Protein backbone atom coordinates (compact mmCIF):
# COMPACT_ATOMS: atom_id res chain seq x y z
CA MET A 1 -3.47 6.50 17.14
CA SER A 2 0.20 5.10 17.28
CA LEU A 3 1.40 3.57 14.26
CA LYS A 4 3.80 0.36 14.32
CA SER A 5 5.17 -2.15 11.71
CA VAL A 6 5.36 -5.73 10.94
CA LEU A 7 7.03 -6.55 7.48
CA VAL A 8 5.37 -8.78 4.74
CA GLU A 9 7.73 -10.01 2.20
CA SER A 10 7.04 -12.17 -0.66
CA THR A 11 9.14 -13.65 -3.64
CA LEU A 12 8.73 -16.39 -5.86
CA GLU A 13 9.64 -19.66 -4.57
CA SER A 14 11.55 -22.01 -7.34
CA GLU A 15 9.34 -24.90 -6.54
CA CYS A 16 6.27 -22.91 -7.59
CA SER A 17 5.31 -22.43 -10.87
CA GLU A 18 6.33 -19.02 -12.19
CA PRO A 19 3.79 -16.94 -13.89
CA ALA A 20 4.83 -15.32 -17.48
CA TYR A 21 3.01 -11.69 -17.26
CA THR A 22 2.20 -9.56 -19.98
CA ASN A 23 -0.80 -6.35 -19.26
CA PRO A 24 -1.63 -5.31 -16.08
CA GLY A 25 -5.11 -7.07 -17.04
CA ASP A 26 -3.75 -10.23 -17.34
CA THR A 27 -5.33 -13.22 -15.26
CA LYS A 28 -2.28 -14.64 -13.54
CA ILE A 29 -1.40 -16.37 -10.28
CA MET A 30 1.34 -15.90 -8.32
CA LYS A 31 3.23 -18.95 -6.45
CA PHE A 32 5.38 -19.12 -3.50
CA LYS A 33 6.33 -21.25 -0.71
CA LEU A 34 6.72 -20.06 2.89
CA GLY A 35 9.91 -22.29 4.51
CA VAL A 36 7.84 -24.55 6.43
CA VAL A 37 5.33 -22.84 7.13
CA LEU A 38 2.74 -22.29 4.13
CA ALA A 39 2.58 -24.52 1.19
CA CYS A 40 2.53 -22.89 -1.86
CA ALA A 41 0.06 -20.05 -1.63
CA ALA A 42 -1.23 -17.88 -4.93
CA PHE A 43 -2.30 -13.77 -5.51
CA LEU A 44 -4.56 -13.82 -8.30
CA LEU A 45 -3.83 -10.68 -10.26
CA PRO A 46 -6.63 -8.77 -11.46
CA ALA A 47 -8.95 -9.84 -14.41
CA ILE A 48 -8.83 -7.21 -16.88
CA THR A 49 -8.01 -7.15 -20.31
CA HIS A 50 -6.04 -4.51 -22.18
CA ALA A 51 -9.51 -3.09 -23.13
CA GLN A 52 -10.43 -1.87 -19.51
CA VAL A 53 -6.71 -0.64 -18.70
CA PRO A 54 -6.73 1.62 -16.00
CA VAL A 55 -9.24 -0.76 -13.74
CA GLY A 56 -7.05 -1.57 -10.97
CA ARG A 57 -4.50 -0.19 -8.12
CA TRP A 58 -2.62 3.52 -9.03
CA GLU A 59 0.08 4.79 -7.48
CA ILE A 60 0.35 8.35 -8.87
CA VAL A 61 3.43 10.43 -8.42
CA HIS A 62 4.29 13.59 -9.58
CA THR A 63 7.77 14.03 -11.24
CA THR A 64 8.01 17.71 -11.55
CA GLY A 65 4.82 20.66 -10.95
CA ASP A 66 5.14 20.81 -7.16
CA SER A 67 5.49 24.11 -5.47
CA ALA A 68 8.24 24.58 -3.67
CA VAL A 69 6.58 23.93 0.03
CA GLN A 70 5.35 20.37 -1.24
CA THR A 71 9.02 19.51 -3.09
CA ALA A 72 10.82 20.27 0.18
CA MET A 73 7.88 17.78 2.33
CA TYR A 74 7.82 14.90 -0.54
CA PRO A 75 6.50 14.74 -3.87
CA GLY A 76 2.94 14.97 -4.57
CA GLY A 77 0.28 12.82 -5.89
CA PHE A 78 -2.86 9.78 -4.56
CA SER A 79 -2.87 6.46 -4.34
CA THR A 80 -6.41 4.88 -5.59
CA PHE A 81 -8.76 2.40 -7.20
CA LEU A 82 -10.13 2.99 -10.05
CA ARG A 83 -12.72 0.55 -11.26
CA ALA A 84 -14.05 -0.41 -14.64
CA ASP A 85 -17.86 1.69 -14.62
CA GLY A 86 -15.43 4.47 -14.46
CA SER A 87 -15.45 5.89 -11.14
CA GLY A 88 -12.87 5.28 -8.33
CA ASP A 89 -12.84 3.65 -4.52
CA THR A 90 -13.16 7.57 -2.66
CA TYR A 91 -13.35 5.70 0.62
CA GLY A 92 -9.95 4.16 -0.25
CA THR A 93 -7.98 7.03 -2.19
CA ALA A 94 -5.38 8.51 0.04
CA SER A 95 -3.61 11.74 -0.64
CA ASN A 96 0.08 12.94 -0.18
CA SER A 97 -0.37 16.69 -1.41
CA LEU A 98 -0.16 19.60 1.06
CA CYS A 99 -3.77 20.79 -0.20
CA VAL A 100 -5.71 17.93 1.02
CA ILE A 101 -6.35 18.82 4.91
CA ASP A 102 -7.77 15.51 5.77
CA ASP A 103 -8.95 12.30 3.37
CA ASN A 104 -12.04 10.93 5.23
CA SER A 105 -14.33 8.50 3.56
CA SER A 106 -15.93 10.98 0.82
CA ASN A 107 -14.47 13.97 0.23
CA VAL A 108 -11.50 12.82 -2.42
CA VAL A 109 -13.42 11.41 -5.41
CA PRO A 110 -11.56 9.83 -8.56
CA SER A 111 -12.99 9.29 -11.74
CA TRP A 112 -11.31 8.33 -15.09
CA ILE A 113 -12.15 8.67 -18.94
CA ALA A 114 -10.35 6.93 -21.52
CA VAL A 115 -9.07 9.85 -24.36
CA GLY A 116 -8.17 10.10 -28.88
CA THR A 117 -8.50 6.67 -30.20
CA SER A 118 -5.31 4.39 -29.65
CA GLY A 119 -6.71 3.14 -26.75
CA ASN A 120 -4.21 3.42 -24.75
CA ASP A 121 -4.63 7.32 -23.27
CA PHE A 122 -6.43 8.42 -20.40
CA GLN A 123 -7.94 11.10 -17.99
CA ILE A 124 -8.00 11.01 -14.25
CA THR A 125 -9.19 13.20 -12.37
CA ILE A 126 -9.27 13.57 -8.83
CA ALA A 127 -11.83 15.67 -6.74
CA VAL A 128 -11.04 17.36 -3.70
CA ASP A 129 -13.70 19.45 -1.10
CA ASN A 130 -11.71 20.07 1.61
CA LEU A 131 -15.05 20.73 3.50
CA GLY A 132 -13.98 24.26 4.28
CA ALA A 133 -10.89 23.65 6.40
CA ALA A 134 -9.04 24.81 2.90
CA PRO A 135 -9.75 25.52 -0.83
CA ASN A 136 -11.40 23.12 -2.85
CA VAL A 137 -8.91 21.55 -5.58
CA THR A 138 -8.97 19.82 -8.84
CA PHE A 139 -6.06 17.15 -9.84
CA VAL A 140 -6.61 16.26 -13.58
CA TYR A 141 -4.02 13.97 -14.95
CA THR A 142 -4.00 12.89 -18.60
CA GLY A 143 -0.96 10.60 -19.56
CA THR A 144 0.10 7.21 -22.39
CA TYR A 145 -0.45 3.44 -20.69
CA ASP A 146 2.38 1.93 -21.27
CA ALA A 147 2.58 -2.47 -20.28
CA LEU A 148 6.80 -2.27 -20.40
CA THR A 149 7.83 0.54 -19.05
CA PRO A 150 11.79 0.48 -17.42
CA ILE A 151 12.16 1.04 -14.11
CA PRO A 152 14.38 3.63 -13.35
CA GLY A 153 17.45 2.49 -11.13
CA ASP A 154 17.15 -1.06 -12.99
CA THR A 155 16.07 -0.67 -16.12
CA SER A 156 15.71 -4.47 -17.16
CA VAL A 157 13.02 -4.38 -15.02
CA LYS A 158 10.02 -3.15 -16.66
CA ILE A 159 6.24 -2.75 -15.45
CA PRO A 160 3.16 -0.92 -16.45
CA THR A 161 2.51 2.52 -15.65
CA ILE A 162 0.82 5.83 -17.43
CA THR A 163 3.09 8.77 -17.89
CA GLY A 164 1.72 12.22 -18.82
CA THR A 165 1.01 15.90 -17.56
CA TYR A 166 -0.98 16.84 -15.06
CA TYR A 167 -2.25 20.42 -13.87
CA ALA A 168 -4.40 21.73 -10.77
CA THR A 169 -7.47 23.57 -10.64
CA GLY A 170 -9.12 25.91 -7.51
CA ASN A 171 -6.49 27.94 -5.17
CA ALA A 172 -3.71 24.93 -5.60
CA SER A 173 -1.24 26.89 -4.40
CA ALA A 174 0.05 25.38 -0.99
CA CYS A 175 0.61 22.08 -3.12
CA SER A 176 1.04 23.23 -6.87
CA ASP A 177 2.53 25.64 -9.25
CA THR A 178 0.71 23.88 -12.08
CA THR A 179 -2.02 25.71 -14.25
CA PRO A 180 -4.13 24.30 -17.17
CA THR A 181 -1.54 25.60 -19.42
CA SER A 182 1.92 25.50 -17.46
CA THR A 183 1.51 21.62 -16.71
CA GLY A 184 3.10 19.58 -14.29
CA ASN A 185 5.02 15.64 -14.83
CA PHE A 186 3.09 12.46 -13.82
CA VAL A 187 4.51 8.44 -13.80
CA ALA A 188 1.33 6.13 -12.06
CA THR A 189 2.58 2.90 -11.36
CA PHE A 190 0.23 0.45 -11.59
CA LEU A 191 0.16 -2.62 -9.00
CA PRO A 192 -1.40 -6.10 -8.53
CA THR A 193 -5.64 -6.68 -6.97
CA ILE A 194 -5.00 -8.74 -3.88
CA VAL A 195 -8.23 -11.44 -4.18
CA SER A 196 -6.46 -14.78 -2.86
CA GLY A 197 -2.84 -15.72 -1.17
CA SER A 198 -1.36 -15.41 2.09
CA SER A 199 1.74 -14.16 3.61
CA SER A 200 2.84 -14.44 7.53
CA GLY A 201 5.24 -12.18 9.24
CA THR A 202 5.80 -11.25 12.50
CA LEU A 203 4.80 -8.99 14.98
CA ASP A 204 7.38 -7.99 16.73
CA GLY A 205 8.94 -5.55 19.35
CA LEU A 206 11.10 -2.46 17.72
CA THR A 207 8.73 0.15 19.09
CA THR A 208 7.54 2.94 16.93
CA ASN A 209 5.89 6.69 17.35
CA ASP A 210 3.68 6.14 21.20
CA GLY A 211 3.34 2.46 21.22
CA VAL A 212 4.53 -0.06 23.57
CA ALA A 213 5.58 -3.51 21.84
CA PHE A 214 4.06 -6.86 22.47
CA ASP A 215 6.24 -8.73 25.50
CA SER A 216 7.46 -10.77 22.74
CA PRO A 217 7.14 -11.32 19.48
CA VAL A 218 4.32 -13.56 18.25
CA GLY A 219 4.15 -14.78 14.40
CA ALA A 220 0.93 -14.05 11.98
CA THR A 221 -0.72 -15.25 8.96
CA ILE A 222 -3.21 -12.83 6.75
CA ALA A 223 -5.21 -14.97 4.12
CA PHE A 224 -6.93 -13.40 1.77
CA SER A 225 -9.79 -14.07 -0.32
CA ALA A 226 -12.01 -11.93 -2.53
CA PRO A 227 -13.58 -8.82 -1.31
CA PRO A 228 -17.21 -7.72 -2.25
CA VAL A 229 -16.60 -4.55 -3.77
CA PRO A 230 -13.28 -3.94 -6.04
CA GLY A 231 -10.35 -2.22 -3.72
CA GLN A 232 -12.01 -3.35 -1.01
CA ILE A 233 -9.82 -6.15 1.18
CA ALA A 234 -11.28 -9.42 2.77
CA GLY A 235 -9.94 -12.36 4.58
CA THR A 236 -8.62 -13.05 8.30
CA VAL A 237 -5.86 -12.68 10.18
CA SER A 238 -4.39 -15.61 12.04
CA LEU A 239 -1.80 -15.39 14.97
CA ASP A 240 0.44 -18.55 16.42
CA SER A 241 0.17 -17.72 19.75
CA ASN A 242 -1.90 -15.16 21.78
CA PRO A 243 0.12 -11.81 22.07
CA THR A 244 0.63 -10.41 25.43
CA PHE A 245 0.48 -6.73 26.63
CA ASN A 246 1.80 -4.99 29.48
CA SER A 247 3.99 -7.43 31.15
CA GLY A 248 1.39 -10.49 30.91
CA THR A 249 -1.89 -9.35 29.43
CA ALA A 250 -3.35 -11.53 26.79
CA CYS A 251 -4.87 -9.96 23.93
CA PHE A 252 -7.02 -12.35 22.22
CA ALA A 253 -9.49 -14.42 22.36
CA THR A 254 -9.14 -18.71 22.12
CA THR A 255 -10.63 -21.82 22.33
CA GLY A 256 -9.06 -23.69 24.02
CA SER A 257 -4.83 -22.57 23.25
CA VAL A 258 -5.35 -21.43 19.79
CA VAL A 259 -6.27 -18.05 18.76
CA ASN A 260 -9.64 -17.40 17.51
CA PRO A 261 -8.85 -15.81 14.03
CA LEU A 262 -9.24 -12.21 13.51
CA THR A 263 -12.14 -11.36 10.33
CA ILE A 264 -11.07 -8.55 7.94
CA ASP A 265 -13.72 -6.64 7.33
CA PRO A 266 -13.60 -5.57 3.24
CA SER A 267 -16.06 -2.21 4.82
CA LEU A 268 -12.94 -0.57 6.56
CA SER A 269 -9.94 -2.42 4.77
CA THR A 270 -8.96 -0.79 1.23
CA GLN A 271 -6.02 -1.77 -1.36
CA SER A 272 -4.90 1.73 -3.29
CA GLY A 273 -1.64 2.79 -5.10
CA ILE A 274 1.02 1.38 -2.71
CA LEU A 275 -1.72 1.29 -0.15
CA GLU A 276 -2.91 -1.94 1.82
CA THR A 277 -4.96 -1.09 5.16
CA ILE A 278 -7.11 -4.31 6.88
CA TYR A 279 -9.16 -3.75 9.82
CA ALA A 280 -9.13 -7.19 11.43
CA VAL A 281 -11.76 -7.45 14.15
CA GLY A 282 -11.96 -9.91 17.05
CA GLN A 283 -12.22 -9.82 20.64
CA ASP A 284 -10.57 -9.88 23.72
CA PRO A 285 -10.62 -12.85 26.24
CA GLN A 286 -13.38 -11.05 28.03
CA GLY A 287 -15.56 -10.96 24.78
CA ALA A 288 -14.35 -6.75 24.26
CA PRO A 289 -14.34 -5.94 20.62
CA THR A 290 -10.58 -5.79 19.47
CA THR A 291 -9.41 -4.92 16.75
CA LEU A 292 -5.80 -5.47 15.01
CA VAL A 293 -4.54 -3.19 12.34
CA LEU A 294 -2.41 -3.59 9.62
CA ASN A 295 -1.36 -0.25 8.22
CA GLY A 296 1.32 -0.40 5.36
CA PHE A 297 2.24 -0.45 1.55
CA SER A 298 3.76 -2.09 -0.88
CA ALA A 299 8.06 -1.75 -0.73
CA ASN A 300 11.15 -1.88 -1.85
CA VAL A 301 12.81 -2.94 0.88
CA TYR A 302 17.33 -2.78 2.12
CA THR A 303 19.58 -2.11 4.76
CA THR A 304 22.15 0.00 5.80
CA SER A 305 23.48 1.57 9.39
CA THR A 306 23.71 5.05 7.64
CA ASN A 307 20.46 6.09 5.55
CA THR A 308 20.61 9.41 3.63
CA ASN A 309 16.81 8.95 1.92
CA PRO A 310 14.37 11.61 4.26
CA TYR A 311 11.62 9.48 2.41
CA ALA A 312 12.61 5.55 4.10
CA ASP A 313 10.77 4.01 7.12
CA GLN A 314 13.21 2.61 9.23
CA ILE A 315 11.21 -0.80 10.10
CA SER A 316 14.16 -2.21 12.36
CA SER A 317 17.64 -0.92 13.71
CA THR A 318 19.02 -1.33 9.92
CA GLY A 319 15.86 -1.92 7.77
CA TRP A 320 14.42 0.33 5.69
CA ALA A 321 11.66 1.13 3.31
CA VAL A 322 9.84 2.91 0.11
CA ALA A 323 7.32 2.49 -1.66
CA ALA A 324 6.93 -0.17 -4.48
CA ALA A 325 6.43 2.53 -7.01
CA ILE A 326 8.44 4.82 -9.01
CA GLY A 327 9.10 8.19 -7.95
CA GLU A 328 8.68 7.17 -4.59
CA ASP A 329 11.43 4.49 -4.69
CA ASP A 330 14.94 5.02 -3.97
CA PRO A 331 17.39 3.62 -7.27
CA SER A 332 20.40 4.90 -5.99
CA VAL A 333 20.36 2.16 -3.67
CA PRO A 334 23.01 -0.12 -4.48
CA GLY A 335 22.10 -3.52 -6.10
CA ALA A 336 18.77 -1.87 -7.23
CA ALA A 337 17.12 -2.90 -3.89
CA GLY A 338 15.37 -0.21 -3.93
CA VAL A 339 13.53 -0.65 -6.98
CA ALA A 340 13.67 -4.38 -8.02
CA LEU A 341 9.94 -4.50 -6.64
CA ASP A 342 8.21 -1.47 -8.13
CA GLY A 343 4.75 -2.79 -9.16
CA THR A 344 4.69 -5.91 -6.89
CA ASN A 345 2.92 -6.64 -3.92
CA ASN A 346 5.66 -8.98 -3.20
CA THR A 347 6.65 -6.41 0.10
CA MET A 348 3.88 -5.51 2.15
CA VAL A 349 5.80 -3.19 4.96
CA GLN A 350 2.71 -3.25 7.45
CA PHE A 351 2.28 -0.81 10.83
CA TYR A 352 0.29 -2.07 13.35
CA ASP A 353 -1.57 -0.93 16.12
CA VAL A 354 -4.57 -2.83 18.06
CA ILE A 355 -7.24 -0.93 19.25
CA GLY A 356 -9.94 -1.44 21.83
CA GLY A 357 -9.56 -4.83 24.29
CA ALA A 358 -7.60 -5.25 27.19
CA CYS A 359 -4.27 -4.80 24.73
CA ASN A 360 -5.17 -1.09 23.82
CA ASN A 361 -2.45 0.85 21.36
CA ALA A 362 -0.13 -2.07 22.05
CA GLY A 363 1.95 -1.87 18.98
CA GLY A 364 5.79 -2.77 17.75
CA ALA A 365 7.90 -3.01 14.87
CA ASP A 366 9.34 -6.03 13.66
CA ALA A 367 12.62 -7.68 12.15
CA PRO A 368 12.18 -7.86 8.39
CA PHE A 369 10.55 -11.26 7.65
CA HIS A 370 10.90 -13.25 4.29
CA PHE A 371 8.88 -15.74 1.83
CA LEU A 372 12.37 -17.15 1.09
CA SER A 373 13.88 -17.91 -2.16
CA GLY A 374 12.79 -17.75 -6.08
CA THR A 375 12.41 -15.04 -8.19
CA PRO A 376 10.73 -11.39 -7.53
CA VAL A 377 7.02 -10.88 -9.56
CA VAL A 378 6.97 -8.46 -11.97
CA HIS A 379 4.18 -7.17 -14.70
CA GLY A 380 5.57 -8.05 -18.20
CA HIS A 381 9.19 -8.99 -18.76
CA ARG A 382 12.88 -9.63 -16.86
CA LYS A 383 15.95 -9.62 -18.78
CA HIS A 384 7.13 8.56 2.19
CA HIS A 385 6.32 10.93 2.77
CA HIS A 386 3.22 10.61 4.45
CA LYS A 387 0.11 9.81 3.35
CA SER A 388 -3.12 9.79 4.95
CA ALA A 389 -5.43 7.22 4.94
CA PRO A 390 -9.28 7.90 4.70
CA ARG A 391 -11.31 7.22 7.62
CA LYS A 392 -14.96 7.77 9.00
CA HIS A 393 -15.09 10.49 11.10
CA ASP A 394 -15.56 8.49 14.13
CA GLU A 395 -12.61 6.40 13.63
CA PRO A 396 -9.12 6.94 14.65
CA VAL A 397 -6.56 8.62 11.93
CA ARG A 398 -5.35 5.54 9.83
CA ALA A 399 -1.76 7.10 8.17
CA ARG A 400 0.54 5.52 5.46
CA PRO A 401 3.92 5.77 8.45
CA HIS A 402 6.28 8.36 7.15
CA LYS A 403 9.30 9.60 9.67
């Protein structure tokens, strides 16, 4: 499956009420206004008390301890969703490690426990079964939760993290120099769980990889709803008009002139660490099953004609995106644009593709679009590597795009 992109960016609209953020588990509403398109929409952050930390989305990034080969490629780590019962979303957990050959729906298994008596210390374990393709490995992360961690590159912004040490067991020499007695360091950034609200953007014409874009840009709106299982994504995707492909072929079924909304399949759609992967299911005009895949990540976005960050994803001729997580962001970008949205979903860069139907393999990348005005949402107080996403054996490969 080729990968293409659409950027979804949001900031708080000053005309809407601005929440106060304390701990990541507190239930808050983030509101914004989408220009003239939408009224104030809301993202509901996860209803987690401090006693329930670390439930939710965590982007785990190795800051030391990677092997020379891993370091030359990109920082090792995982995107995961931890649940209240001590388990994690196996299907949604994705790797950023050379020691993981293929993270499918069941072979990368996260879990966690509280350790010590402080109430702030946790151990996260991620066990990898490489299904005979490589040695099995396990990563063990032990760290301390801090609701107000300053972001390197803009210490006025403070977000929830877990920081500490980790080690790998099994034959992890391909990716790690760590052992139980010689540990590395990690930082895990918390991101809000999306259970409501909406975001809008444009499926545009910048083609990436081997895809072919729609004939012309098409506006799209994602309306989120509470998923049946934590870690999934639910809702609908609506298109402003019916995109065409290959000089006039209509892509989706309509009722009159209105494109039928596509239904997000929560069993395939996940939010994990920085990642948001959406499978929106519908039909083409002839009734053939057609799926719009939005495969992306929460991001910091910046503009430059001379990008020097090898981990950044290109989203337009001068637009670039890096992950909204410490260790995968870019503190060197002027004006803190490479770090300012760490720990938020204010900007989501979605690479898109069409699977099945009349427009099979259509896709492209858009120019950035914005939720207008306002102040970025952060947790707390305010003054790319290639990451493969899990799939089932009969599904196309989903991957967080990287150069």
